[in-house]
Amino acid sequence: MFDFENCLGELKDRSKNVEINGINLMIIVKYGMEIIEITELKGIEQKEIVIKLVKTLVKESEINDDVKKELDNIIDSGALSVTIDLLVEASKGNLNINLKKKLKRFCCV
């Protein structure tokens, strides 16, 4: 059974040495994705919970209110959702980032 508070505690623990700001927000998203991946949740549920975890972490953090507002704006803009989709596509090998290297190897064989 899924336990949000347990996952949040693990995210807090993994993020304790990471300054919570706009630059490091995607590192925190990565941690959230790794934590949620081992739960029984799948697909859109995983993404929604990761976003909720990150949003809760920001809300409960001791950073100043201006930074919290900035991060909330980033989260609410859909940037995390798109980032998660991109990371999922990359994990499935659906990005052609290294296509040139693959083509070069194929052509030279």
PDB file of N, CA and C in Angstrom:
ATOM      1  N   MET A   1       0.831  -1.176   0.000  1.00  0.00           N
ATOM      2  CA  MET A   1       0.000   0.000   0.000  1.00  0.00           C
ATOM      3  C   MET A   1       0.882   1.249   0.000  1.00  0.00           C
ATOM      4  N   PHE A   2       0.538   2.237  -0.790  1.00  0.00           N
ATOM      5  CA  PHE A   2       1.323   3.452  -0.946  1.00  0.00           C
ATOM      6  C   PHE A   2       1.236   4.324   0.308  1.00  0.00           C
ATOM      7  N   ASP A   3       2.380   4.825   0.763  1.00  0.00           N
ATOM      8  CA  ASP A   3       2.452   5.662   1.955  1.00  0.00           C
ATOM      9  C   ASP A   3       3.143   6.980   1.603  1.00  0.00           C
ATOM     10  N   PHE A   4       2.334   8.028   1.390  1.00  0.00           N
ATOM     11  CA  PHE A   4       2.861   9.339   0.984  1.00  0.00           C
ATOM     12  C   PHE A   4       3.852   9.875   2.006  1.00  0.00           C
ATOM     13  N   GLU A   5       3.514   9.797   3.274  1.00  0.00           N
ATOM     14  CA  GLU A   5       4.373  10.359   4.323  1.00  0.00           C
ATOM     15  C   GLU A   5       5.737   9.665   4.358  1.00  0.00           C
ATOM     16  N   ASN A   6       5.746   8.366   4.150  1.00  0.00           N
ATOM     17  CA  ASN A   6       7.006   7.625   4.117  1.00  0.00           C
ATOM     18  C   ASN A   6       7.864   8.083   2.932  1.00  0.00           C
ATOM     19  N   CYS A   7       7.230   8.230   1.780  1.00  0.00           N
ATOM     20  CA  CYS A   7       7.947   8.690   0.584  1.00  0.00           C
ATOM     21  C   CYS A   7       8.457  10.119   0.776  1.00  0.00           C
ATOM     22  N   LEU A   8       7.643  10.971   1.408  1.00  0.00           N
ATOM     23  CA  LEU A   8       8.058  12.341   1.684  1.00  0.00           C
ATOM     24  C   LEU A   8       9.259  12.352   2.629  1.00  0.00           C
ATOM     25  N   GLY A   9       9.226  11.511   3.645  1.00  0.00           N
ATOM     26  CA  GLY A   9      10.356  11.409   4.562  1.00  0.00           C
ATOM     27  C   GLY A   9      11.625  10.975   3.854  1.00  0.00           C
ATOM     28  N   GLU A  10      11.490  10.035   2.942  1.00  0.00           N
ATOM     29  CA  GLU A  10      12.659   9.582   2.182  1.00  0.00           C
ATOM     30  C   GLU A  10      13.172  10.689   1.268  1.00  0.00           C
ATOM     31  N   LEU A  11      12.256  11.445   0.654  1.00  0.00           N
ATOM     32  CA  LEU A  11      12.666  12.560  -0.205  1.00  0.00           C
ATOM     33  C   LEU A  11      13.384  13.630   0.617  1.00  0.00           C
ATOM     34  N   LYS A  12      12.855  13.921   1.794  1.00  0.00           N
ATOM     35  CA  LYS A  12      13.511  14.894   2.675  1.00  0.00           C
ATOM     36  C   LYS A  12      14.910  14.420   3.049  1.00  0.00           C
ATOM     37  N   ASP A  13      15.036  13.141   3.353  1.00  0.00           N
ATOM     38  CA  ASP A  13      16.333  12.584   3.732  1.00  0.00           C
ATOM     39  C   ASP A  13      17.330  12.663   2.573  1.00  0.00           C
ATOM     40  N   ARG A  14      16.876  12.281   1.383  1.00  0.00           N
ATOM     41  CA  ARG A  14      17.776  12.294   0.216  1.00  0.00           C
ATOM     42  C   ARG A  14      18.136  13.714  -0.206  1.00  0.00           C
ATOM     43  N   SER A  15      17.260  14.677   0.104  1.00  0.00           N
ATOM     44  CA  SER A  15      17.463  16.061  -0.322  1.00  0.00           C
ATOM     45  C   SER A  15      18.124  16.933   0.748  1.00  0.00           C
ATOM     46  N   LYS A  16      18.468  16.350   1.882  1.00  0.00           N
ATOM     47  CA  LYS A  16      18.941  17.160   3.000  1.00  0.00           C
ATOM     48  C   LYS A  16      20.218  17.945   2.699  1.00  0.00           C
ATOM     49  N   ASN A  17      21.024  17.474   1.783  1.00  0.00           N
ATOM     50  CA  ASN A  17      22.258  18.177   1.435  1.00  0.00           C
ATOM     51  C   ASN A  17      22.140  18.979   0.143  1.00  0.00           C
ATOM     52  N   VAL A  18      20.922  19.119  -0.352  1.00  0.00           N
ATOM     53  CA  VAL A  18      20.682  19.857  -1.596  1.00  0.00           C
ATOM     54  C   VAL A  18      19.929  21.141  -1.247  1.00  0.00           C
ATOM     55  N   GLU A  19      20.512  22.265  -1.633  1.00  0.00           N
ATOM     56  CA  GLU A  19      19.813  23.527  -1.411  1.00  0.00           C
ATOM     57  C   GLU A  19      18.562  23.557  -2.279  1.00  0.00           C
ATOM     58  N   ILE A  20      17.442  23.878  -1.681  1.00  0.00           N
ATOM     59  CA  ILE A  20      16.191  23.903  -2.425  1.00  0.00           C
ATOM     60  C   ILE A  20      16.079  25.248  -3.116  1.00  0.00           C
ATOM     61  N   ASN A  21      16.264  25.227  -4.436  1.00  0.00           N
ATOM     62  CA  ASN A  21      16.154  26.436  -5.260  1.00  0.00           C
ATOM     63  C   ASN A  21      15.824  26.020  -6.689  1.00  0.00           C
ATOM     64  N   GLY A  22      15.648  27.005  -7.547  1.00  0.00           N
ATOM     65  CA  GLY A  22      15.268  26.730  -8.928  1.00  0.00           C
ATOM     66  C   GLY A  22      16.297  25.911  -9.688  1.00  0.00           C
ATOM     67  N   ILE A  23      17.552  26.078  -9.346  1.00  0.00           N
ATOM     68  CA  ILE A  23      18.621  25.353 -10.039  1.00  0.00           C
ATOM     69  C   ILE A  23      18.606  23.872  -9.670  1.00  0.00           C
ATOM     70  N   ASN A  24      18.378  23.582  -8.406  1.00  0.00           N
ATOM     71  CA  ASN A  24      18.435  22.201  -7.925  1.00  0.00           C
ATOM     72  C   ASN A  24      17.083  21.490  -7.916  1.00  0.00           C
ATOM     73  N   LEU A  25      16.045  22.156  -8.350  1.00  0.00           N
ATOM     74  CA  LEU A  25      14.710  21.566  -8.308  1.00  0.00           C
ATOM     75  C   LEU A  25      14.641  20.254  -9.092  1.00  0.00           C
ATOM     76  N   MET A  26      15.324  20.173 -10.216  1.00  0.00           N
ATOM     77  CA  MET A  26      15.260  18.956 -11.031  1.00  0.00           C
ATOM     78  C   MET A  26      16.010  17.795 -10.384  1.00  0.00           C
ATOM     79  N   ILE A  27      17.009  18.090  -9.553  1.00  0.00           N
ATOM     80  CA  ILE A  27      17.684  17.031  -8.795  1.00  0.00           C
ATOM     81  C   ILE A  27      16.691  16.423  -7.807  1.00  0.00           C
ATOM     82  N   ILE A  28      15.911  17.280  -7.175  1.00  0.00           N
ATOM     83  CA  ILE A  28      14.900  16.818  -6.234  1.00  0.00           C
ATOM     84  C   ILE A  28      13.824  16.006  -6.956  1.00  0.00           C
ATOM     85  N   VAL A  29      13.451  16.441  -8.161  1.00  0.00           N
ATOM     86  CA  VAL A  29      12.495  15.676  -8.975  1.00  0.00           C
ATOM     87  C   VAL A  29      13.059  14.289  -9.269  1.00  0.00           C
ATOM     88  N   LYS A  30      14.327  14.222  -9.608  1.00  0.00           N
ATOM     89  CA  LYS A  30      14.976  12.931  -9.882  1.00  0.00           C
ATOM     90  C   LYS A  30      14.891  12.023  -8.659  1.00  0.00           C
ATOM     91  N   TYR A  31      15.190  12.567  -7.497  1.00  0.00           N
ATOM     92  CA  TYR A  31      15.084  11.776  -6.267  1.00  0.00           C
ATOM     93  C   TYR A  31      13.643  11.284  -6.078  1.00  0.00           C
ATOM     94  N   GLY A  32      12.689  12.162  -6.288  1.00  0.00           N
ATOM     95  CA  GLY A  32      11.288  11.785  -6.148  1.00  0.00           C
ATOM     96  C   GLY A  32      10.908  10.667  -7.097  1.00  0.00           C
ATOM     97  N   MET A  33      11.374  10.753  -8.324  1.00  0.00           N
ATOM     98  CA  MET A  33      11.078   9.715  -9.306  1.00  0.00           C
ATOM     99  C   MET A  33      11.684   8.376  -8.900  1.00  0.00           C
ATOM    100  N   GLU A  34      12.903   8.412  -8.380  1.00  0.00           N
ATOM    101  CA  GLU A  34      13.550   7.175  -7.944  1.00  0.00           C
ATOM    102  C   GLU A  34      12.791   6.547  -6.773  1.00  0.00           C
ATOM    103  N   ILE A  35      12.303   7.381  -5.863  1.00  0.00           N
ATOM    104  CA  ILE A  35      11.558   6.879  -4.710  1.00  0.00           C
ATOM    105  C   ILE A  35      10.229   6.267  -5.155  1.00  0.00           C
ATOM    106  N   ILE A  36       9.515   6.949  -6.019  1.00  0.00           N
ATOM    107  CA  ILE A  36       8.194   6.494  -6.468  1.00  0.00           C
ATOM    108  C   ILE A  36       8.284   5.280  -7.384  1.00  0.00           C
ATOM    109  N   GLU A  37       9.377   5.136  -8.087  1.00  0.00           N
ATOM    110  CA  GLU A  37       9.527   4.017  -9.027  1.00  0.00           C
ATOM    111  C   GLU A  37       9.393   2.674  -8.334  1.00  0.00           C
ATOM    112  N   ILE A  38       9.768   2.579  -7.076  1.00  0.00           N
ATOM    113  CA  ILE A  38       9.713   1.278  -6.392  1.00  0.00           C
ATOM    114  C   ILE A  38       8.380   1.045  -5.689  1.00  0.00           C
ATOM    115  N   THR A  39       7.425   1.956  -5.859  1.00  0.00           N
ATOM    116  CA  THR A  39       6.087   1.751  -5.297  1.00  0.00           C
ATOM    117  C   THR A  39       5.216   0.998  -6.296  1.00  0.00           C
ATOM    118  N   GLU A  40       4.012   0.682  -5.869  1.00  0.00           N
ATOM    119  CA  GLU A  40       3.082   0.000  -6.769  1.00  0.00           C
ATOM    120  C   GLU A  40       2.405   0.954  -7.746  1.00  0.00           C
ATOM    121  N   LEU A  41       2.612   2.263  -7.562  1.00  0.00           N
ATOM    122  CA  LEU A  41       2.011   3.245  -8.468  1.00  0.00           C
ATOM    123  C   LEU A  41       2.654   3.163  -9.841  1.00  0.00           C
ATOM    124  N   LYS A  42       1.878   3.456 -10.864  1.00  0.00           N
ATOM    125  CA  LYS A  42       2.398   3.420 -12.227  1.00  0.00           C
ATOM    126  C   LYS A  42       1.834   4.586 -13.023  1.00  0.00           C
ATOM    127  N   GLY A  43       2.544   4.953 -14.076  1.00  0.00           N
ATOM    128  CA  GLY A  43       2.067   5.936 -15.040  1.00  0.00           C
ATOM    129  C   GLY A  43       1.793   7.307 -14.465  1.00  0.00           C
ATOM    130  N   ILE A  44       0.632   7.838 -14.811  1.00  0.00           N
ATOM    131  CA  ILE A  44       0.253   9.196 -14.440  1.00  0.00           C
ATOM    132  C   ILE A  44       0.207   9.370 -12.928  1.00  0.00           C
ATOM    133  N   GLU A  45      -0.163   8.297 -12.195  1.00  0.00           N
ATOM    134  CA  GLU A  45      -0.176   8.378 -10.728  1.00  0.00           C
ATOM    135  C   GLU A  45       1.210   8.691 -10.195  1.00  0.00           C
ATOM    136  N   GLN A  46       2.228   8.052 -10.766  1.00  0.00           N
ATOM    137  CA  GLN A  46       3.603   8.309 -10.333  1.00  0.00           C
ATOM    138  C   GLN A  46       3.957   9.780 -10.531  1.00  0.00           C
ATOM    139  N   LYS A  47       3.651  10.282 -11.701  1.00  0.00           N
ATOM    140  CA  LYS A  47       3.987  11.674 -12.003  1.00  0.00           C
ATOM    141  C   LYS A  47       3.275  12.619 -11.046  1.00  0.00           C
ATOM    142  N   GLU A  48       1.996  12.390 -10.829  1.00  0.00           N
ATOM    143  CA  GLU A  48       1.227  13.260  -9.935  1.00  0.00           C
ATOM    144  C   GLU A  48       1.776  13.233  -8.511  1.00  0.00           C
ATOM    145  N   ILE A  49       2.177  12.066  -8.041  1.00  0.00           N
ATOM    146  CA  ILE A  49       2.706  11.958  -6.685  1.00  0.00           C
ATOM    147  C   ILE A  49       4.084  12.605  -6.589  1.00  0.00           C
ATOM    148  N   VAL A  50       4.911  12.440  -7.598  1.00  0.00           N
ATOM    149  CA  VAL A  50       6.227  13.100  -7.572  1.00  0.00           C
ATOM    150  C   VAL A  50       6.041  14.612  -7.482  1.00  0.00           C
ATOM    151  N   ILE A  51       5.149  15.151  -8.280  1.00  0.00           N
ATOM    152  CA  ILE A  51       4.888  16.599  -8.242  1.00  0.00           C
ATOM    153  C   ILE A  51       4.373  17.005  -6.860  1.00  0.00           C
ATOM    154  N   LYS A  52       3.469  16.208  -6.305  1.00  0.00           N
ATOM    155  CA  LYS A  52       2.929  16.504  -4.972  1.00  0.00           C
ATOM    156  C   LYS A  52       4.036  16.424  -3.912  1.00  0.00           C
ATOM    157  N   LEU A  53       4.912  15.438  -4.022  1.00  0.00           N
ATOM    158  CA  LEU A  53       6.031  15.319  -3.084  1.00  0.00           C
ATOM    159  C   LEU A  53       6.933  16.546  -3.136  1.00  0.00           C
ATOM    160  N   VAL A  54       7.294  16.952  -4.342  1.00  0.00           N
ATOM    161  CA  VAL A  54       8.187  18.108  -4.501  1.00  0.00           C
ATOM    162  C   VAL A  54       7.511  19.364  -3.973  1.00  0.00           C
ATOM    163  N   LYS A  55       6.257  19.543  -4.310  1.00  0.00           N
ATOM    164  CA  LYS A  55       5.507  20.716  -3.852  1.00  0.00           C
ATOM    165  C   LYS A  55       5.425  20.743  -2.320  1.00  0.00           C
ATOM    166  N   THR A  56       5.188  19.595  -1.707  1.00  0.00           N
ATOM    167  CA  THR A  56       5.127  19.516  -0.251  1.00  0.00           C
ATOM    168  C   THR A  56       6.487  19.783   0.376  1.00  0.00           C
ATOM    169  N   LEU A  57       7.534  19.239  -0.222  1.00  0.00           N
ATOM    170  CA  LEU A  57       8.886  19.481   0.275  1.00  0.00           C
ATOM    171  C   LEU A  57       9.202  20.976   0.261  1.00  0.00           C
ATOM    172  N   VAL A  58       8.868  21.643  -0.831  1.00  0.00           N
ATOM    173  CA  VAL A  58       9.094  23.086  -0.937  1.00  0.00           C
ATOM    174  C   VAL A  58       8.290  23.815   0.131  1.00  0.00           C
ATOM    175  N   LYS A  59       7.028  23.464   0.263  1.00  0.00           N
ATOM    176  CA  LYS A  59       6.139  24.131   1.221  1.00  0.00           C
ATOM    177  C   LYS A  59       6.647  23.987   2.652  1.00  0.00           C
ATOM    178  N   GLU A  60       7.138  22.812   3.004  1.00  0.00           N
ATOM    179  CA  GLU A  60       7.577  22.541   4.371  1.00  0.00           C
ATOM    180  C   GLU A  60       9.028  22.950   4.634  1.00  0.00           C
ATOM    181  N   SER A  61       9.741  23.383   3.608  1.00  0.00           N
ATOM    182  CA  SER A  61      11.149  23.748   3.778  1.00  0.00           C
ATOM    183  C   SER A  61      11.275  25.078   4.505  1.00  0.00           C
ATOM    184  N   GLU A  62      12.476  25.354   4.926  1.00  0.00           N
ATOM    185  CA  GLU A  62      12.747  26.587   5.657  1.00  0.00           C
ATOM    186  C   GLU A  62      13.295  27.693   4.758  1.00  0.00           C
ATOM    187  N   ILE A  63      13.146  27.565   3.468  1.00  0.00           N
ATOM    188  CA  ILE A  63      13.604  28.610   2.553  1.00  0.00           C
ATOM    189  C   ILE A  63      12.674  29.816   2.667  1.00  0.00           C
ATOM    190  N   ASN A  64      13.164  30.962   2.203  1.00  0.00           N
ATOM    191  CA  ASN A  64      12.344  32.172   2.361  1.00  0.00           C
ATOM    192  C   ASN A  64      11.127  32.140   1.436  1.00  0.00           C
ATOM    193  N   ASP A  65      10.153  32.933   1.791  1.00  0.00           N
ATOM    194  CA  ASP A  65       8.864  32.915   1.097  1.00  0.00           C
ATOM    195  C   ASP A  65       8.970  33.306  -0.376  1.00  0.00           C
ATOM    196  N   ASP A  66       9.906  34.195  -0.718  1.00  0.00           N
ATOM    197  CA  ASP A  66      10.079  34.580  -2.123  1.00  0.00           C
ATOM    198  C   ASP A  66      10.542  33.398  -2.965  1.00  0.00           C
ATOM    199  N   VAL A  67      11.467  32.621  -2.432  1.00  0.00           N
ATOM    200  CA  VAL A  67      11.956  31.439  -3.148  1.00  0.00           C
ATOM    201  C   VAL A  67      10.841  30.399  -3.241  1.00  0.00           C
ATOM    202  N   LYS A  68      10.085  30.221  -2.157  1.00  0.00           N
ATOM    203  CA  LYS A  68       8.954  29.287  -2.196  1.00  0.00           C
ATOM    204  C   LYS A  68       7.965  29.675  -3.287  1.00  0.00           C
ATOM    205  N   LYS A  69       7.670  30.956  -3.365  1.00  0.00           N
ATOM    206  CA  LYS A  69       6.724  31.430  -4.378  1.00  0.00           C
ATOM    207  C   LYS A  69       7.268  31.179  -5.785  1.00  0.00           C
ATOM    208  N   GLU A  70       8.556  31.444  -5.975  1.00  0.00           N
ATOM    209  CA  GLU A  70       9.199  31.201  -7.281  1.00  0.00           C
ATOM    210  C   GLU A  70       9.117  29.717  -7.650  1.00  0.00           C
ATOM    211  N   LEU A  71       9.414  28.853  -6.696  1.00  0.00           N
ATOM    212  CA  LEU A  71       9.375  27.412  -6.957  1.00  0.00           C
ATOM    213  C   LEU A  71       7.948  26.928  -7.192  1.00  0.00           C
ATOM    214  N   ASP A  72       7.000  27.453  -6.440  1.00  0.00           N
ATOM    215  CA  ASP A  72       5.590  27.112  -6.678  1.00  0.00           C
ATOM    216  C   ASP A  72       5.164  27.501  -8.085  1.00  0.00           C
ATOM    217  N   ASN A  73       5.632  28.666  -8.547  1.00  0.00           N
ATOM    218  CA  ASN A  73       5.313  29.101  -9.910  1.00  0.00           C
ATOM    219  C   ASN A  73       5.897  28.138 -10.943  1.00  0.00           C
ATOM    220  N   ILE A  74       7.118  27.673 -10.706  1.00  0.00           N
ATOM    221  CA  ILE A  74       7.744  26.706 -11.620  1.00  0.00           C
ATOM    222  C   ILE A  74       6.935  25.413 -11.634  1.00  0.00           C
ATOM    223  N   ILE A  75       6.578  24.936 -10.454  1.00  0.00           N
ATOM    224  CA  ILE A  75       5.821  23.690 -10.349  1.00  0.00           C
ATOM    225  C   ILE A  75       4.451  23.835 -11.013  1.00  0.00           C
ATOM    226  N   ASP A  76       3.752  24.927 -10.683  1.00  0.00           N
ATOM    227  CA  ASP A  76       2.404  25.128 -11.212  1.00  0.00           C
ATOM    228  C   ASP A  76       2.382  25.436 -12.709  1.00  0.00           C
ATOM    229  N   SER A  77       3.520  25.852 -13.257  1.00  0.00           N
ATOM    230  CA  SER A  77       3.578  26.173 -14.688  1.00  0.00           C
ATOM    231  C   SER A  77       3.526  24.922 -15.568  1.00  0.00           C
ATOM    232  N   GLY A  78       3.747  23.766 -14.964  1.00  0.00           N
ATOM    233  CA  GLY A  78       3.779  22.524 -15.732  1.00  0.00           C
ATOM    234  C   GLY A  78       5.188  22.082 -16.081  1.00  0.00           C
ATOM    235  N   ALA A  79       6.179  22.852 -15.657  1.00  0.00           N
ATOM    236  CA  ALA A  79       7.569  22.523 -15.990  1.00  0.00           C
ATOM    237  C   ALA A  79       7.982  21.168 -15.416  1.00  0.00           C
ATOM    238  N   LEU A  80       7.546  20.852 -14.205  1.00  0.00           N
ATOM    239  CA  LEU A  80       7.906  19.552 -13.633  1.00  0.00           C
ATOM    240  C   LEU A  80       7.249  18.411 -14.381  1.00  0.00           C
ATOM    241  N   SER A  81       6.020  18.608 -14.769  1.00  0.00           N
ATOM    242  CA  SER A  81       5.302  17.586 -15.512  1.00  0.00           C
ATOM    243  C   SER A  81       6.014  17.257 -16.821  1.00  0.00           C
ATOM    244  N   VAL A  82       6.409  18.289 -17.529  1.00  0.00           N
ATOM    245  CA  VAL A  82       7.115  18.096 -18.802  1.00  0.00           C
ATOM    246  C   VAL A  82       8.483  17.461 -18.565  1.00  0.00           C
ATOM    247  N   THR A  83       9.167  17.888 -17.515  1.00  0.00           N
ATOM    248  CA  THR A  83      10.472  17.322 -17.190  1.00  0.00           C
ATOM    249  C   THR A  83      10.362  15.841 -16.868  1.00  0.00           C
ATOM    250  N   ILE A  84       9.355  15.479 -16.098  1.00  0.00           N
ATOM    251  CA  ILE A  84       9.150  14.070 -15.761  1.00  0.00           C
ATOM    252  C   ILE A  84       8.873  13.261 -17.022  1.00  0.00           C
ATOM    253  N   ASP A  85       8.026  13.780 -17.902  1.00  0.00           N
ATOM    254  CA  ASP A  85       7.752  13.090 -19.173  1.00  0.00           C
ATOM    255  C   ASP A  85       9.037  12.894 -19.974  1.00  0.00           C
ATOM    256  N   LEU A  86       9.869  13.913 -20.004  1.00  0.00           N
ATOM    257  CA  LEU A  86      11.132  13.841 -20.737  1.00  0.00           C
ATOM    258  C   LEU A  86      12.069  12.798 -20.125  1.00  0.00           C
ATOM    259  N   LEU A  87      12.156  12.775 -18.799  1.00  0.00           N
ATOM    260  CA  LEU A  87      13.005  11.787 -18.137  1.00  0.00           C
ATOM    261  C   LEU A  87      12.506  10.366 -18.375  1.00  0.00           C
ATOM    262  N   VAL A  88      11.207  10.193 -18.380  1.00  0.00           N
ATOM    263  CA  VAL A  88      10.634   8.871 -18.655  1.00  0.00           C
ATOM    264  C   VAL A  88      10.971   8.437 -20.083  1.00  0.00           C
ATOM    265  N   GLU A  89      10.817   9.352 -21.033  1.00  0.00           N
ATOM    266  CA  GLU A  89      11.159   9.034 -22.432  1.00  0.00           C
ATOM    267  C   GLU A  89      12.639   8.685 -22.564  1.00  0.00           C
ATOM    268  N   ALA A  90      13.489   9.417 -21.871  1.00  0.00           N
ATOM    269  CA  ALA A  90      14.925   9.136 -21.917  1.00  0.00           C
ATOM    270  C   ALA A  90      15.222   7.763 -21.318  1.00  0.00           C
ATOM    271  N   SER A  91      14.545   7.432 -20.216  1.00  0.00           N
ATOM    272  CA  SER A  91      14.786   6.135 -19.579  1.00  0.00           C
ATOM    273  C   SER A  91      14.342   4.974 -20.464  1.00  0.00           C
ATOM    274  N   LYS A  92      13.404   5.241 -21.351  1.00  0.00           N
ATOM    275  CA  LYS A  92      12.929   4.206 -22.282  1.00  0.00           C
ATOM    276  C   LYS A  92      13.750   4.167 -23.570  1.00  0.00           C
ATOM    277  N   GLY A  93      14.727   5.068 -23.685  1.00  0.00           N
ATOM    278  CA  GLY A  93      15.561   5.108 -24.882  1.00  0.00           C
ATOM    279  C   GLY A  93      14.885   5.774 -26.062  1.00  0.00           C
ATOM    280  N   ASN A  94      13.895   6.619 -25.803  1.00  0.00           N
ATOM    281  CA  ASN A  94      13.141   7.250 -26.884  1.00  0.00           C
ATOM    282  C   ASN A  94      13.651   8.627 -27.287  1.00  0.00           C
ATOM    283  N   LEU A  95      14.831   9.002 -26.813  1.00  0.00           N
ATOM    284  CA  LEU A  95      15.423  10.279 -27.237  1.00  0.00           C
ATOM    285  C   LEU A  95      16.574   9.992 -28.184  1.00  0.00           C
ATOM    286  N   ASN A  96      16.651  10.733 -29.240  1.00  0.00           N
ATOM    287  CA  ASN A  96      17.689  10.514 -30.243  1.00  0.00           C
ATOM    288  C   ASN A  96      18.901  11.410 -30.015  1.00  0.00           C
ATOM    289  N   ILE A  97      19.276  11.588 -28.765  1.00  0.00           N
ATOM    290  CA  ILE A  97      20.381  12.463 -28.416  1.00  0.00           C
ATOM    291  C   ILE A  97      21.699  11.905 -28.933  1.00  0.00           C
ATOM    292  N   ASN A  98      21.914  10.624 -28.815  1.00  0.00           N
ATOM    293  CA  ASN A  98      23.163  10.003 -29.245  1.00  0.00           C
ATOM    294  C   ASN A  98      23.015   9.307 -30.594  1.00  0.00           C
ATOM    295  N   LEU A  99      22.070   9.749 -31.384  1.00  0.00           N
ATOM    296  CA  LEU A  99      21.800   9.127 -32.668  1.00  0.00           C
ATOM    297  C   LEU A  99      23.023   9.162 -33.580  1.00  0.00           C
ATOM    298  N   LYS A 100      23.763  10.264 -33.581  1.00  0.00           N
ATOM    299  CA  LYS A 100      24.939  10.391 -34.439  1.00  0.00           C
ATOM    300  C   LYS A 100      25.959   9.308 -34.112  1.00  0.00           C
ATOM    301  N   LYS A 101      26.204   9.065 -32.827  1.00  0.00           N
ATOM    302  CA  LYS A 101      27.147   8.021 -32.425  1.00  0.00           C
ATOM    303  C   LYS A 101      26.659   6.657 -32.863  1.00  0.00           C
ATOM    304  N   LYS A 102      25.367   6.408 -32.700  1.00  0.00           N
ATOM    305  CA  LYS A 102      24.806   5.112 -33.084  1.00  0.00           C
ATOM    306  C   LYS A 102      24.910   4.915 -34.583  1.00  0.00           C
ATOM    307  N   LEU A 103      24.599   5.960 -35.352  1.00  0.00           N
ATOM    308  CA  LEU A 103      24.693   5.857 -36.811  1.00  0.00           C
ATOM    309  C   LEU A 103      26.135   5.645 -37.244  1.00  0.00           C
ATOM    310  N   LYS A 104      27.049   6.334 -36.585  1.00  0.00           N
ATOM    311  CA  LYS A 104      28.459   6.201 -36.927  1.00  0.00           C
ATOM    312  C   LYS A 104      28.917   4.766 -36.695  1.00  0.00           C
ATOM    313  N   ARG A 105      28.539   4.179 -35.567  1.00  0.00           N
ATOM    314  CA  ARG A 105      28.907   2.793 -35.278  1.00  0.00           C
ATOM    315  C   ARG A 105      28.280   1.841 -36.289  1.00  0.00           C
ATOM    316  N   PHE A 106      27.032   2.074 -36.642  1.00  0.00           N
ATOM    317  CA  PHE A 106      26.322   1.210 -37.573  1.00  0.00           C
ATOM    318  C   PHE A 106      26.954   1.279 -38.966  1.00  0.00           C
ATOM    319  N   CYS A 107      27.284   2.490 -39.383  1.00  0.00           N
ATOM    320  CA  CYS A 107      27.835   2.665 -40.721  1.00  0.00           C
ATOM    321  C   CYS A 107      29.249   2.114 -40.858  1.00  0.00           C
ATOM    322  N   CYS A 108      29.969   2.069 -39.765  1.00  0.00           N
ATOM    323  CA  CYS A 108      31.363   1.647 -39.820  1.00  0.00           C
ATOM    324  C   CYS A 108      31.534   0.162 -39.549  1.00  0.00           C
ATOM    325  N   VAL A 109      30.477  -0.547 -39.289  1.00  0.00           N
ATOM    326  CA  VAL A 109      30.592  -1.971 -38.958  1.00  0.00           C
ATOM    327  C   VAL A 109      30.707  -2.793 -40.194  1.00  0.00           C
TER     328      VAL A 109
END
